[in-house]
Amino acid sequence: MASHEHYYVPAQSKWPIIATIGMFITVFGLGTWFNDMKAGHPDSHGPLIFFVGALCLAYMLFGWFGAVIKESHAGLYSPQMDRSFRWGMSWFIFSEVMFFIAFFGTLFYVRHLAGPWLGGEGAKGVTHMLWPNFQFTWPLLHTPDPKLFPPPKDVIDPWHLPLINTILLVSSSVTITFAHHALRKDHRGPLKFWLALTIVLGVAFLILQAYEYHEAYTHLGLTLGSGIYGATFFMLTGFHGAHVTMGTLILFVMLMRILRGHFNADKHFGFEAASWYWHFVDVVWVGLFIFVYVL
């Protein structure tokens, strides 16, 4: 019979079903919230449902990863299991890459195909009959139906808050790399410093993005309902912000583990996986800055 050195079968777990339930409640609450906002219902239950789902997910993450940490400290993980973790994290990041490619693809389709067609260009110019006076430009500050989709007054200036946020995230990629090198050399002091600085940079990014959203809604009229530009802007930057939030929480957990003496120079895949994820969200932001804000 093969031992756990060759193949490890974990004990039965409740966490996958809790994760499924939590995801369903969260997405259902978010959909309800957005639909009620669009319909103008101020007493929507969407935020409450979303909050309950988020609590379920937080409970699942805390319990599931806690179980993984206990199994690791119990010596149950072999080199084969380490490879499984690495492949699993690699496929997870690949799925996230494809997730964002879908949204970038939507942005490309609207800017270079659907929008010009509606403006009367190309072989599909027959659609010009819908809005004969519509002229397509990007950013879309004049929507085909201003009554249904009120256009924004202006767009976010890329050379202020977005540029600062780009500097923050690119700098955080450098600091997390310094932290990783310090861990490989088992230098605990620099490791704690660089990791804590990475977390501070991530929190600063989120604060500035929240301020940017406030400015967009209150002063620029740039909202989810302000046409396709507002929809793609908030879908891309909003989902990225959610990933930065998750990444910041993951790094905070890594810092707490390091303060408790976890990880060493040879065995630290938990930290390594967190750094992979953080580099991923940084690269996505560079793409957002170029294709959403600048071009």
Protein backbone atom coordinates (compact mmCIF):
# COMPACT_ATOMS: atom_id res chain seq x y z
CA MET A 1 0.00 0.00 0.00
CA ALA A 2 1.34 3.45 -0.93
CA SER A 3 2.22 5.73 1.98
CA HIS A 4 1.53 9.44 2.18
CA GLU A 5 5.03 9.96 0.74
CA HIS A 6 3.59 8.93 -2.62
CA TYR A 7 -0.10 9.82 -2.40
CA TYR A 8 -1.97 11.67 0.33
CA VAL A 9 -5.74 11.44 0.72
CA PRO A 10 -7.05 14.13 3.12
CA ALA A 11 -9.75 13.36 5.64
CA GLN A 12 -13.38 14.07 4.81
CA SER A 13 -14.05 17.80 5.06
CA LYS A 14 -17.08 20.07 5.37
CA TRP A 15 -15.23 23.05 3.87
CA PRO A 16 -15.97 22.48 0.14
CA ILE A 17 -19.74 22.48 0.70
CA ILE A 18 -19.48 25.56 2.95
CA ALA A 19 -17.45 27.28 0.23
CA THR A 20 -20.12 26.44 -2.35
CA ILE A 21 -22.94 27.77 -0.17
CA GLY A 22 -20.98 30.91 0.67
CA MET A 23 -20.21 31.63 -2.98
CA PHE A 24 -23.85 31.17 -3.97
CA ILE A 25 -25.13 33.50 -1.24
CA THR A 26 -22.48 36.12 -2.03
CA VAL A 27 -23.17 36.20 -5.78
CA PHE A 28 -26.94 36.12 -5.22
CA GLY A 29 -26.68 39.03 -2.80
CA LEU A 30 -24.48 41.02 -5.16
CA GLY A 31 -26.87 40.45 -8.07
CA THR A 32 -29.85 41.44 -5.94
CA TRP A 33 -28.03 44.54 -4.75
CA PHE A 34 -27.16 45.72 -8.28
CA ASN A 35 -30.62 44.97 -9.68
CA ASP A 36 -32.35 46.84 -6.87
CA MET A 37 -30.04 49.83 -7.34
CA LYS A 38 -30.92 49.88 -11.03
CA ALA A 39 -34.64 49.64 -10.21
CA GLY A 40 -34.35 52.39 -7.59
CA HIS A 41 -35.27 50.29 -4.55
CA PRO A 42 -33.66 51.96 -1.51
CA ASP A 43 -34.73 49.17 0.89
CA SER A 44 -32.87 46.38 -0.92
CA HIS A 45 -31.90 43.23 1.02
CA GLY A 46 -28.99 42.70 -1.36
CA PRO A 47 -26.31 44.22 0.92
CA LEU A 48 -27.42 42.04 3.85
CA ILE A 49 -27.43 38.87 1.74
CA PHE A 50 -24.02 39.78 0.33
CA PHE A 51 -22.66 40.37 3.85
CA VAL A 52 -23.96 36.99 5.06
CA GLY A 53 -22.33 35.26 2.09
CA ALA A 54 -19.05 37.09 2.74
CA LEU A 55 -19.13 35.92 6.36
CA CYS A 56 -19.64 32.32 5.18
CA LEU A 57 -16.64 32.63 2.88
CA ALA A 58 -14.51 34.17 5.63
CA TYR A 59 -15.46 31.33 7.97
CA MET A 60 -14.60 28.78 5.27
CA LEU A 61 -11.22 30.36 4.49
CA PHE A 62 -10.27 30.60 8.16
CA GLY A 63 -11.24 26.99 8.87
CA TRP A 64 -9.96 25.38 5.69
CA PHE A 65 -6.57 27.05 5.66
CA GLY A 66 -6.28 26.45 9.38
CA ALA A 67 -6.72 22.74 8.72
CA VAL A 68 -4.06 22.85 5.99
CA ILE A 69 -1.62 24.57 8.37
CA LYS A 70 -2.23 21.94 11.05
CA GLU A 71 -1.67 19.12 8.57
CA SER A 72 1.56 20.74 7.41
CA HIS A 73 2.89 21.09 10.95
CA ALA A 74 1.92 17.47 11.62
CA GLY A 75 4.35 16.38 8.89
CA LEU A 76 1.69 14.93 6.59
CA TYR A 77 2.91 16.66 3.45
CA SER A 78 5.48 14.95 1.27
CA PRO A 79 7.37 16.30 -1.78
CA GLN A 80 4.58 14.86 -3.92
CA MET A 81 2.05 16.90 -1.94
CA ASP A 82 4.19 20.00 -2.33
CA ARG A 83 4.09 19.52 -6.11
CA SER A 84 0.32 19.15 -5.92
CA PHE A 85 0.05 22.47 -4.09
CA ARG A 86 2.24 24.17 -6.67
CA TRP A 87 0.24 22.80 -9.58
CA GLY A 88 -2.99 23.73 -7.84
CA MET A 89 -1.87 27.33 -7.28
CA SER A 90 -0.60 27.55 -10.85
CA TRP A 91 -3.94 26.43 -12.28
CA PHE A 92 -5.79 28.79 -9.94
CA ILE A 93 -3.78 31.78 -11.16
CA PHE A 94 -4.28 30.60 -14.76
CA SER A 95 -8.05 30.60 -14.18
CA GLU A 96 -7.77 34.14 -12.82
CA VAL A 97 -5.79 35.17 -15.90
CA MET A 98 -8.57 33.84 -18.14
CA PHE A 99 -11.15 35.63 -15.97
CA PHE A 100 -9.54 39.00 -16.65
CA ILE A 101 -8.86 38.17 -20.29
CA ALA A 102 -12.63 37.83 -20.73
CA PHE A 103 -13.15 41.38 -19.44
CA PHE A 104 -10.25 42.79 -21.46
CA GLY A 105 -11.76 41.01 -24.46
CA THR A 106 -15.07 42.75 -23.80
CA LEU A 107 -13.28 46.08 -23.70
CA PHE A 108 -11.56 45.32 -27.03
CA TYR A 109 -14.84 44.19 -28.64
CA VAL A 110 -16.69 47.33 -27.58
CA ARG A 111 -13.92 49.75 -28.57
CA HIS A 112 -12.96 48.25 -31.91
CA LEU A 113 -16.04 46.38 -33.16
CA ALA A 114 -19.44 46.99 -31.53
CA GLY A 115 -18.98 50.71 -30.91
CA PRO A 116 -17.84 51.63 -34.44
CA TRP A 117 -20.59 49.44 -35.90
CA LEU A 118 -23.23 51.34 -33.94
CA GLY A 119 -21.66 54.54 -35.23
CA GLY A 120 -22.16 53.38 -38.82
CA GLU A 121 -18.71 52.08 -39.71
CA GLY A 122 -17.78 48.90 -41.56
CA ALA A 123 -19.86 46.08 -43.00
CA LYS A 124 -22.20 46.22 -40.02
CA GLY A 125 -23.00 49.88 -40.68
CA VAL A 126 -26.69 49.01 -41.11
CA THR A 127 -26.97 49.34 -37.33
CA HIS A 128 -26.54 53.06 -37.89
CA MET A 129 -30.30 53.12 -38.46
CA LEU A 130 -30.85 52.68 -34.72
CA TRP A 131 -29.21 55.98 -33.75
CA PRO A 132 -28.51 57.94 -36.94
CA ASN A 133 -26.96 60.87 -35.08
CA PHE A 134 -24.70 58.76 -32.86
CA GLN A 135 -20.95 59.21 -33.36
CA PHE A 136 -18.77 56.70 -31.55
CA THR A 137 -15.73 57.94 -29.65
CA TRP A 138 -13.76 56.46 -26.76
CA PRO A 139 -14.08 57.22 -23.91
CA LEU A 140 -17.81 57.22 -24.55
CA LEU A 141 -18.95 60.61 -23.22
CA HIS A 142 -22.01 60.70 -25.52
CA THR A 143 -24.12 57.54 -25.29
CA PRO A 144 -26.65 56.59 -28.01
CA ASP A 145 -29.55 57.01 -25.55
CA PRO A 146 -28.68 59.64 -22.91
CA LYS A 147 -32.04 59.25 -21.18
CA LEU A 148 -31.54 55.54 -20.57
CA PHE A 149 -27.76 55.71 -20.02
CA PRO A 150 -26.73 59.18 -18.79
CA PRO A 151 -23.14 59.69 -19.98
CA PRO A 152 -20.39 60.74 -17.58
CA LYS A 153 -19.27 64.36 -17.49
CA ASP A 154 -15.64 63.36 -17.72
CA VAL A 155 -13.29 60.42 -17.12
CA ILE A 156 -10.62 59.77 -14.51
CA ASP A 157 -7.35 61.56 -15.20
CA PRO A 158 -4.78 58.73 -15.46
CA TRP A 159 -1.86 60.92 -14.40
CA HIS A 160 -3.02 61.58 -10.85
CA LEU A 161 -4.55 58.89 -8.60
CA PRO A 162 -4.19 56.02 -11.13
CA LEU A 163 -0.52 56.85 -11.62
CA ILE A 164 0.05 56.98 -7.85
CA ASN A 165 -1.70 53.63 -7.49
CA THR A 166 0.49 52.18 -10.24
CA ILE A 167 3.60 53.32 -8.39
CA LEU A 168 2.25 51.82 -5.16
CA LEU A 169 1.54 48.41 -6.68
CA VAL A 170 4.75 48.20 -8.68
CA SER A 171 6.66 49.13 -5.52
CA SER A 172 4.78 46.43 -3.60
CA SER A 173 6.01 43.83 -6.10
CA VAL A 174 9.55 44.92 -5.27
CA THR A 175 8.98 44.79 -1.50
CA ILE A 176 7.35 41.34 -1.59
CA THR A 177 10.34 40.12 -3.63
CA PHE A 178 12.72 41.51 -0.99
CA ALA A 179 10.67 39.72 1.67
CA HIS A 180 10.87 36.45 -0.26
CA HIS A 181 14.65 36.74 -0.60
CA ALA A 182 14.93 37.47 3.13
CA LEU A 183 12.90 34.35 3.93
CA ARG A 184 15.14 32.21 1.70
CA LYS A 185 18.12 33.45 3.71
CA ASP A 186 16.17 33.02 6.98
CA HIS A 187 16.59 36.70 7.86
CA ARG A 188 13.46 37.14 9.97
CA GLY A 189 13.85 40.86 10.70
CA PRO A 190 14.02 42.07 7.07
CA LEU A 191 11.34 39.53 6.18
CA LYS A 192 8.87 41.08 8.64
CA PHE A 193 9.75 44.62 7.58
CA TRP A 194 9.39 44.11 3.83
CA LEU A 195 6.21 42.05 4.18
CA ALA A 196 4.62 44.64 6.50
CA LEU A 197 5.57 47.38 4.02
CA THR A 198 3.94 45.41 1.20
CA ILE A 199 0.72 45.24 3.22
CA VAL A 200 0.84 48.99 3.89
CA LEU A 201 1.25 49.66 0.16
CA GLY A 202 -1.72 47.39 -0.61
CA VAL A 203 -3.93 49.16 1.95
CA ALA A 204 -2.86 52.56 0.57
CA PHE A 205 -3.84 51.42 -2.92
CA LEU A 206 -7.30 50.40 -1.73
CA ILE A 207 -7.85 53.69 0.12
CA LEU A 208 -6.93 55.72 -2.97
CA GLN A 209 -9.13 53.57 -5.19
CA ALA A 210 -12.08 54.07 -2.84
CA TYR A 211 -11.47 57.83 -2.99
CA GLU A 212 -11.28 57.60 -6.79
CA TYR A 213 -14.63 55.80 -6.91
CA HIS A 214 -16.17 58.47 -4.67
CA GLU A 215 -14.91 61.21 -7.01
CA ALA A 216 -16.19 59.30 -10.06
CA TYR A 217 -19.71 58.90 -8.64
CA THR A 218 -20.15 62.30 -6.98
CA HIS A 219 -18.30 64.68 -9.32
CA LEU A 220 -17.88 63.02 -12.71
CA GLY A 221 -21.15 61.12 -13.04
CA LEU A 222 -19.12 58.04 -13.92
CA THR A 223 -21.19 55.12 -12.62
CA LEU A 224 -22.09 51.56 -13.52
CA GLY A 225 -25.18 52.94 -15.25
CA SER A 226 -23.40 55.55 -17.38
CA GLY A 227 -23.12 53.42 -20.48
CA ILE A 228 -20.64 50.81 -21.60
CA TYR A 229 -17.62 52.89 -20.57
CA GLY A 230 -18.78 53.09 -16.96
CA ALA A 231 -19.74 49.42 -16.95
CA THR A 232 -16.38 48.18 -18.27
CA PHE A 233 -14.46 50.64 -16.08
CA PHE A 234 -16.05 49.50 -12.84
CA MET A 235 -16.14 45.81 -13.74
CA LEU A 236 -12.42 45.73 -14.53
CA THR A 237 -11.17 48.01 -11.75
CA GLY A 238 -13.74 46.70 -9.25
CA PHE A 239 -12.84 43.04 -9.69
CA HIS A 240 -9.18 43.96 -9.56
CA GLY A 241 -9.80 45.86 -6.32
CA ALA A 242 -11.49 42.76 -4.91
CA HIS A 243 -8.39 40.74 -5.79
CA VAL A 244 -6.12 43.31 -4.16
CA THR A 245 -8.29 43.14 -1.03
CA MET A 246 -8.02 39.37 -0.95
CA GLY A 247 -4.28 39.51 -1.63
CA THR A 248 -3.76 42.01 1.18
CA LEU A 249 -5.63 39.77 3.61
CA ILE A 250 -3.55 36.78 2.50
CA LEU A 251 -0.33 38.72 3.07
CA PHE A 252 -1.58 39.78 6.51
CA VAL A 253 -2.18 36.13 7.40
CA MET A 254 1.33 35.34 6.18
CA LEU A 255 2.70 38.09 8.44
CA MET A 256 0.83 36.67 11.44
CA ARG A 257 2.23 33.22 10.70
CA ILE A 258 5.75 34.58 10.39
CA LEU A 259 5.40 36.39 13.71
CA ARG A 260 4.46 33.00 15.23
CA GLY A 261 7.61 31.41 13.82
CA HIS A 262 6.10 29.61 10.83
CA PHE A 263 8.08 28.93 7.65
CA ASN A 264 11.80 28.46 7.18
CA ALA A 265 14.31 28.91 4.39
CA ASP A 266 13.46 25.53 2.82
CA LYS A 267 9.72 25.09 3.47
CA HIS A 268 7.55 28.14 2.88
CA PHE A 269 5.22 27.42 -0.01
CA GLY A 270 2.34 29.21 1.74
CA PHE A 271 4.30 32.43 1.56
CA GLU A 272 5.50 31.68 -1.96
CA ALA A 273 1.95 31.11 -3.21
CA ALA A 274 0.87 34.41 -1.63
CA SER A 275 3.71 36.20 -3.45
CA TRP A 276 2.69 34.58 -6.76
CA TYR A 277 -0.83 35.87 -6.29
CA TRP A 278 0.39 39.35 -5.40
CA HIS A 279 2.59 39.57 -8.48
CA PHE A 280 -0.42 38.49 -10.55
CA VAL A 281 -2.64 41.32 -9.28
CA ASP A 282 0.20 43.78 -9.88
CA VAL A 283 0.59 42.70 -13.51
CA VAL A 284 -3.18 42.95 -14.06
CA TRP A 285 -3.14 46.51 -12.73
CA VAL A 286 -0.42 47.52 -15.18
CA GLY A 287 -2.68 46.25 -17.98
CA LEU A 288 -5.63 48.16 -16.51
CA PHE A 289 -3.64 51.36 -16.24
CA ILE A 290 -2.59 51.15 -19.89
CA PHE A 291 -5.80 49.94 -21.56
CA VAL A 292 -8.48 51.45 -19.28
CA TYR A 293 -7.00 54.71 -18.07
CA VAL A 294 -4.39 55.80 -20.65
CA LEU A 295 -5.44 54.46 -24.08
